[in-house]
Amino acid sequence: MAVRQLILLFLLVASGCRQEEKTVDPGQEQRFALLREHLKRQLGDKYEAPVPAASPDQLKRGGELFAKVCAACHGGRGEGKGHVATALAGTPTNLTSPHEASFFSERARLYIIRKGMPGTAMMGWEDVLTEQDILAIYLYIRSLIQYE
């Protein structure tokens, strides 16, 4: 009986987590949809272009940079719960969520790291980091996505 209850509890928690993960503020979803259309116009044919696989050195560098410049907002594991997240006007993206990661293309996510995201606390890093470092951060972030 106890095993059956544990399995049932696990299934309830797991299904609740999946539902919560896909819950998005309708206003935010609308703003992001507009931003996606803007990014498609900005990037043109490059919008859907894939980003090559990461090398071990890029992942290492990306992880180091992520800890320094991203974790305060996005959390150490990218779950969107960094120590300053509650002080922000909006909720930082959960970078481990396949649902949130799939909203924008890979090239668009790189562009967002480079230029920032209007209407959010996400600043652009192009004046702070090199293009190689921005790519390394993105590749590290991509490695955080938890596919089922």
C-alpha atoms as a PDB file:
ATOM      1  CA  MET A   1       0.000   0.000   0.000  1.00  0.00           C
ATOM      2  CA  ALA A   2       2.799   2.500   0.862  1.00  0.00           C
ATOM      3  CA  VAL A   3       4.557   1.861  -2.466  1.00  0.00           C
ATOM      4  CA  ARG A   4       1.317   2.461  -4.339  1.00  0.00           C
ATOM      5  CA  GLN A   5       0.789   5.756  -2.486  1.00  0.00           C
ATOM      6  CA  LEU A   6       4.366   6.855  -3.247  1.00  0.00           C
ATOM      7  CA  ILE A   7       3.888   6.080  -6.937  1.00  0.00           C
ATOM      8  CA  LEU A   8       0.627   8.011  -6.961  1.00  0.00           C
ATOM      9  CA  LEU A   9       2.244  10.951  -5.171  1.00  0.00           C
ATOM     10  CA  PHE A  10       5.132  10.906  -7.648  1.00  0.00           C
ATOM     11  CA  LEU A  11       2.738  10.919 -10.605  1.00  0.00           C
ATOM     12  CA  LEU A  12       0.760  13.823  -9.138  1.00  0.00           C
ATOM     13  CA  VAL A  13       3.894  15.866  -8.484  1.00  0.00           C
ATOM     14  CA  ALA A  14       5.359  15.079 -11.913  1.00  0.00           C
ATOM     15  CA  SER A  15       2.180  15.999 -13.758  1.00  0.00           C
ATOM     16  CA  GLY A  16       1.823  19.181 -11.707  1.00  0.00           C
ATOM     17  CA  CYS A  17       5.385  20.211 -12.530  1.00  0.00           C
ATOM     18  CA  ARG A  18       4.802  19.774 -16.242  1.00  0.00           C
ATOM     19  CA  GLN A  19       1.645  21.859 -16.107  1.00  0.00           C
ATOM     20  CA  GLU A  20       3.319  24.573 -14.056  1.00  0.00           C
ATOM     21  CA  GLU A  21       6.245  24.676 -16.476  1.00  0.00           C
ATOM     22  CA  LYS A  22       3.932  25.557 -19.371  1.00  0.00           C
ATOM     23  CA  THR A  23       1.993  28.202 -17.461  1.00  0.00           C
ATOM     24  CA  VAL A  24       2.931  31.538 -18.968  1.00  0.00           C
ATOM     25  CA  ASP A  25       1.613  34.999 -18.239  1.00  0.00           C
ATOM     26  CA  PRO A  26      -0.626  35.789 -21.272  1.00  0.00           C
ATOM     27  CA  GLY A  27       0.757  39.327 -21.472  1.00  0.00           C
ATOM     28  CA  GLN A  28       4.307  38.039 -21.408  1.00  0.00           C
ATOM     29  CA  GLU A  29       3.501  35.432 -24.039  1.00  0.00           C
ATOM     30  CA  GLN A  30       2.060  38.144 -26.292  1.00  0.00           C
ATOM     31  CA  ARG A  31       5.140  40.369 -25.812  1.00  0.00           C
ATOM     32  CA  PHE A  32       7.407  37.414 -26.558  1.00  0.00           C
ATOM     33  CA  ALA A  33       5.403  36.562 -29.691  1.00  0.00           C
ATOM     34  CA  LEU A  34       5.882  40.141 -30.915  1.00  0.00           C
ATOM     35  CA  LEU A  35       9.570  39.928 -30.075  1.00  0.00           C
ATOM     36  CA  ARG A  36       9.835  36.625 -31.964  1.00  0.00           C
ATOM     37  CA  GLU A  37       8.351  38.276 -35.066  1.00  0.00           C
ATOM     38  CA  HIS A  38      10.778  41.191 -34.672  1.00  0.00           C
ATOM     39  CA  LEU A  39      13.695  38.759 -34.364  1.00  0.00           C
ATOM     40  CA  LYS A  40      12.564  36.875 -37.464  1.00  0.00           C
ATOM     41  CA  ARG A  41      12.653  40.156 -39.409  1.00  0.00           C
ATOM     42  CA  GLN A  42      16.031  41.154 -37.919  1.00  0.00           C
ATOM     43  CA  LEU A  43      17.708  37.800 -38.556  1.00  0.00           C
ATOM     44  CA  GLY A  44      15.952  36.927 -41.817  1.00  0.00           C
ATOM     45  CA  ASP A  45      17.118  33.600 -43.250  1.00  0.00           C
ATOM     46  CA  LYS A  46      19.499  33.160 -40.305  1.00  0.00           C
ATOM     47  CA  TYR A  47      16.613  32.916 -37.797  1.00  0.00           C
ATOM     48  CA  GLU A  48      16.320  29.122 -38.169  1.00  0.00           C
ATOM     49  CA  ALA A  49      20.027  28.448 -38.796  1.00  0.00           C
ATOM     50  CA  PRO A  50      21.339  25.872 -36.320  1.00  0.00           C
ATOM     51  CA  VAL A  51      24.145  26.614 -33.921  1.00  0.00           C
ATOM     52  CA  PRO A  52      26.987  24.054 -34.130  1.00  0.00           C
ATOM     53  CA  ALA A  53      27.692  21.611 -31.318  1.00  0.00           C
ATOM     54  CA  ALA A  54      29.796  22.822 -28.416  1.00  0.00           C
ATOM     55  CA  SER A  55      33.359  21.801 -27.784  1.00  0.00           C
ATOM     56  CA  PRO A  56      34.350  20.826 -24.233  1.00  0.00           C
ATOM     57  CA  ASP A  57      36.359  24.059 -23.957  1.00  0.00           C
ATOM     58  CA  GLN A  58      33.339  26.150 -24.996  1.00  0.00           C
ATOM     59  CA  LEU A  59      31.123  24.428 -22.422  1.00  0.00           C
ATOM     60  CA  LYS A  60      33.720  24.990 -19.706  1.00  0.00           C
ATOM     61  CA  ARG A  61      34.124  28.665 -20.618  1.00  0.00           C
ATOM     62  CA  GLY A  62      30.356  29.089 -20.918  1.00  0.00           C
ATOM     63  CA  GLY A  63      29.816  27.568 -17.481  1.00  0.00           C
ATOM     64  CA  GLU A  64      32.395  29.887 -15.921  1.00  0.00           C
ATOM     65  CA  LEU A  65      30.841  32.945 -17.559  1.00  0.00           C
ATOM     66  CA  PHE A  66      27.303  31.820 -16.736  1.00  0.00           C
ATOM     67  CA  ALA A  67      28.229  31.642 -13.041  1.00  0.00           C
ATOM     68  CA  LYS A  68      29.626  35.188 -13.192  1.00  0.00           C
ATOM     69  CA  VAL A  69      27.062  37.037 -15.330  1.00  0.00           C
ATOM     70  CA  CYS A  70      23.862  34.979 -15.536  1.00  0.00           C
ATOM     71  CA  ALA A  71      23.365  33.000 -12.326  1.00  0.00           C
ATOM     72  CA  ALA A  72      22.319  35.973 -10.174  1.00  0.00           C
ATOM     73  CA  CYS A  73      19.078  36.192 -12.158  1.00  0.00           C
ATOM     74  CA  HIS A  74      18.702  32.752 -13.770  1.00  0.00           C
ATOM     75  CA  GLY A  75      20.027  30.674 -10.858  1.00  0.00           C
ATOM     76  CA  GLY A  76      23.075  28.470 -10.646  1.00  0.00           C
ATOM     77  CA  ARG A  77      21.381  25.694 -12.595  1.00  0.00           C
ATOM     78  CA  GLY A  78      19.449  28.030 -14.921  1.00  0.00           C
ATOM     79  CA  GLU A  79      16.032  27.397 -13.386  1.00  0.00           C
ATOM     80  CA  GLY A  80      15.161  31.126 -13.247  1.00  0.00           C
ATOM     81  CA  LYS A  81      15.472  31.441  -9.482  1.00  0.00           C
ATOM     82  CA  GLY A  82      18.665  33.378  -8.906  1.00  0.00           C
ATOM     83  CA  HIS A  83      19.208  35.330  -5.693  1.00  0.00           C
ATOM     84  CA  VAL A  84      18.113  38.616  -7.310  1.00  0.00           C
ATOM     85  CA  ALA A  85      15.186  37.132  -9.260  1.00  0.00           C
ATOM     86  CA  THR A  86      12.559  38.207  -6.726  1.00  0.00           C
ATOM     87  CA  ALA A  87      13.696  41.824  -6.983  1.00  0.00           C
ATOM     88  CA  LEU A  88      13.148  41.928 -10.757  1.00  0.00           C
ATOM     89  CA  ALA A  89       9.983  43.220 -12.411  1.00  0.00           C
ATOM     90  CA  GLY A  90       9.535  39.971 -14.350  1.00  0.00           C
ATOM     91  CA  THR A  91      10.513  36.372 -13.799  1.00  0.00           C
ATOM     92  CA  PRO A  92      13.809  35.321 -15.387  1.00  0.00           C
ATOM     93  CA  THR A  93      13.518  32.583 -17.995  1.00  0.00           C
ATOM     94  CA  ASN A  94      13.844  29.007 -16.789  1.00  0.00           C
ATOM     95  CA  LEU A  95      16.712  28.019 -19.068  1.00  0.00           C
ATOM     96  CA  THR A  96      16.254  24.316 -18.276  1.00  0.00           C
ATOM     97  CA  SER A  97      12.712  24.234 -19.703  1.00  0.00           C
ATOM     98  CA  PRO A  98      12.350  22.790 -23.214  1.00  0.00           C
ATOM     99  CA  HIS A  99       9.048  24.674 -23.517  1.00  0.00           C
ATOM    100  CA  GLU A 100      10.671  28.044 -22.828  1.00  0.00           C
ATOM    101  CA  ALA A 101      13.765  27.209 -24.880  1.00  0.00           C
ATOM    102  CA  SER A 102      11.686  26.304 -27.916  1.00  0.00           C
ATOM    103  CA  PHE A 103       9.860  29.644 -28.014  1.00  0.00           C
ATOM    104  CA  PHE A 104      12.756  31.321 -29.863  1.00  0.00           C
ATOM    105  CA  SER A 105      15.180  29.771 -32.369  1.00  0.00           C
ATOM    106  CA  GLU A 106      18.798  29.158 -31.426  1.00  0.00           C
ATOM    107  CA  ARG A 107      19.958  32.184 -33.411  1.00  0.00           C
ATOM    108  CA  ALA A 108      17.282  34.300 -31.746  1.00  0.00           C
ATOM    109  CA  ARG A 109      18.435  33.213 -28.278  1.00  0.00           C
ATOM    110  CA  LEU A 110      21.989  34.157 -29.212  1.00  0.00           C
ATOM    111  CA  TYR A 111      20.681  37.528 -30.392  1.00  0.00           C
ATOM    112  CA  ILE A 112      18.853  38.014 -27.064  1.00  0.00           C
ATOM    113  CA  ILE A 113      22.062  37.351 -25.125  1.00  0.00           C
ATOM    114  CA  ARG A 114      23.865  39.787 -27.412  1.00  0.00           C
ATOM    115  CA  LYS A 115      21.248  42.570 -27.509  1.00  0.00           C
ATOM    116  CA  GLY A 116      19.014  41.972 -24.468  1.00  0.00           C
ATOM    117  CA  MET A 117      15.248  41.620 -24.260  1.00  0.00           C
ATOM    118  CA  PRO A 118      13.183  44.816 -24.235  1.00  0.00           C
ATOM    119  CA  GLY A 119      10.692  45.133 -21.390  1.00  0.00           C
ATOM    120  CA  THR A 120      12.630  42.744 -19.153  1.00  0.00           C
ATOM    121  CA  ALA A 121      15.695  42.878 -16.929  1.00  0.00           C
ATOM    122  CA  MET A 122      17.648  40.921 -19.565  1.00  0.00           C
ATOM    123  CA  MET A 123      20.420  43.239 -20.672  1.00  0.00           C
ATOM    124  CA  GLY A 124      22.510  42.865 -23.792  1.00  0.00           C
ATOM    125  CA  TRP A 125      26.069  41.652 -23.351  1.00  0.00           C
ATOM    126  CA  GLU A 126      27.618  42.646 -26.695  1.00  0.00           C
ATOM    127  CA  ASP A 127      29.442  45.636 -25.189  1.00  0.00           C
ATOM    128  CA  VAL A 128      30.750  43.564 -22.277  1.00  0.00           C
ATOM    129  CA  LEU A 129      31.611  40.142 -23.700  1.00  0.00           C
ATOM    130  CA  THR A 130      33.297  38.980 -26.879  1.00  0.00           C
ATOM    131  CA  GLU A 131      31.279  37.181 -29.530  1.00  0.00           C
ATOM    132  CA  GLN A 132      33.124  33.957 -28.608  1.00  0.00           C
ATOM    133  CA  ASP A 133      32.096  34.378 -24.956  1.00  0.00           C
ATOM    134  CA  ILE A 134      28.462  35.062 -25.908  1.00  0.00           C
ATOM    135  CA  LEU A 135      28.483  31.873 -27.990  1.00  0.00           C
ATOM    136  CA  ALA A 136      30.076  29.925 -25.113  1.00  0.00           C
ATOM    137  CA  ILE A 137      27.366  31.120 -22.716  1.00  0.00           C
ATOM    138  CA  TYR A 138      24.641  30.142 -25.164  1.00  0.00           C
ATOM    139  CA  LEU A 139      26.164  26.691 -25.715  1.00  0.00           C
ATOM    140  CA  TYR A 140      26.345  26.182 -21.959  1.00  0.00           C
ATOM    141  CA  ILE A 141      22.720  27.325 -21.571  1.00  0.00           C
ATOM    142  CA  ARG A 142      21.682  24.923 -24.315  1.00  0.00           C
ATOM    143  CA  SER A 143      23.321  22.106 -22.328  1.00  0.00           C
ATOM    144  CA  LEU A 144      21.081  22.921 -19.336  1.00  0.00           C
ATOM    145  CA  ILE A 145      17.811  22.118 -21.124  1.00  0.00           C
ATOM    146  CA  GLN A 146      16.184  19.104 -19.502  1.00  0.00           C
ATOM    147  CA  TYR A 147      14.436  17.165 -22.239  1.00  0.00           C
ATOM    148  CA  GLU A 148      12.086  14.445 -21.108  1.00  0.00           C
END
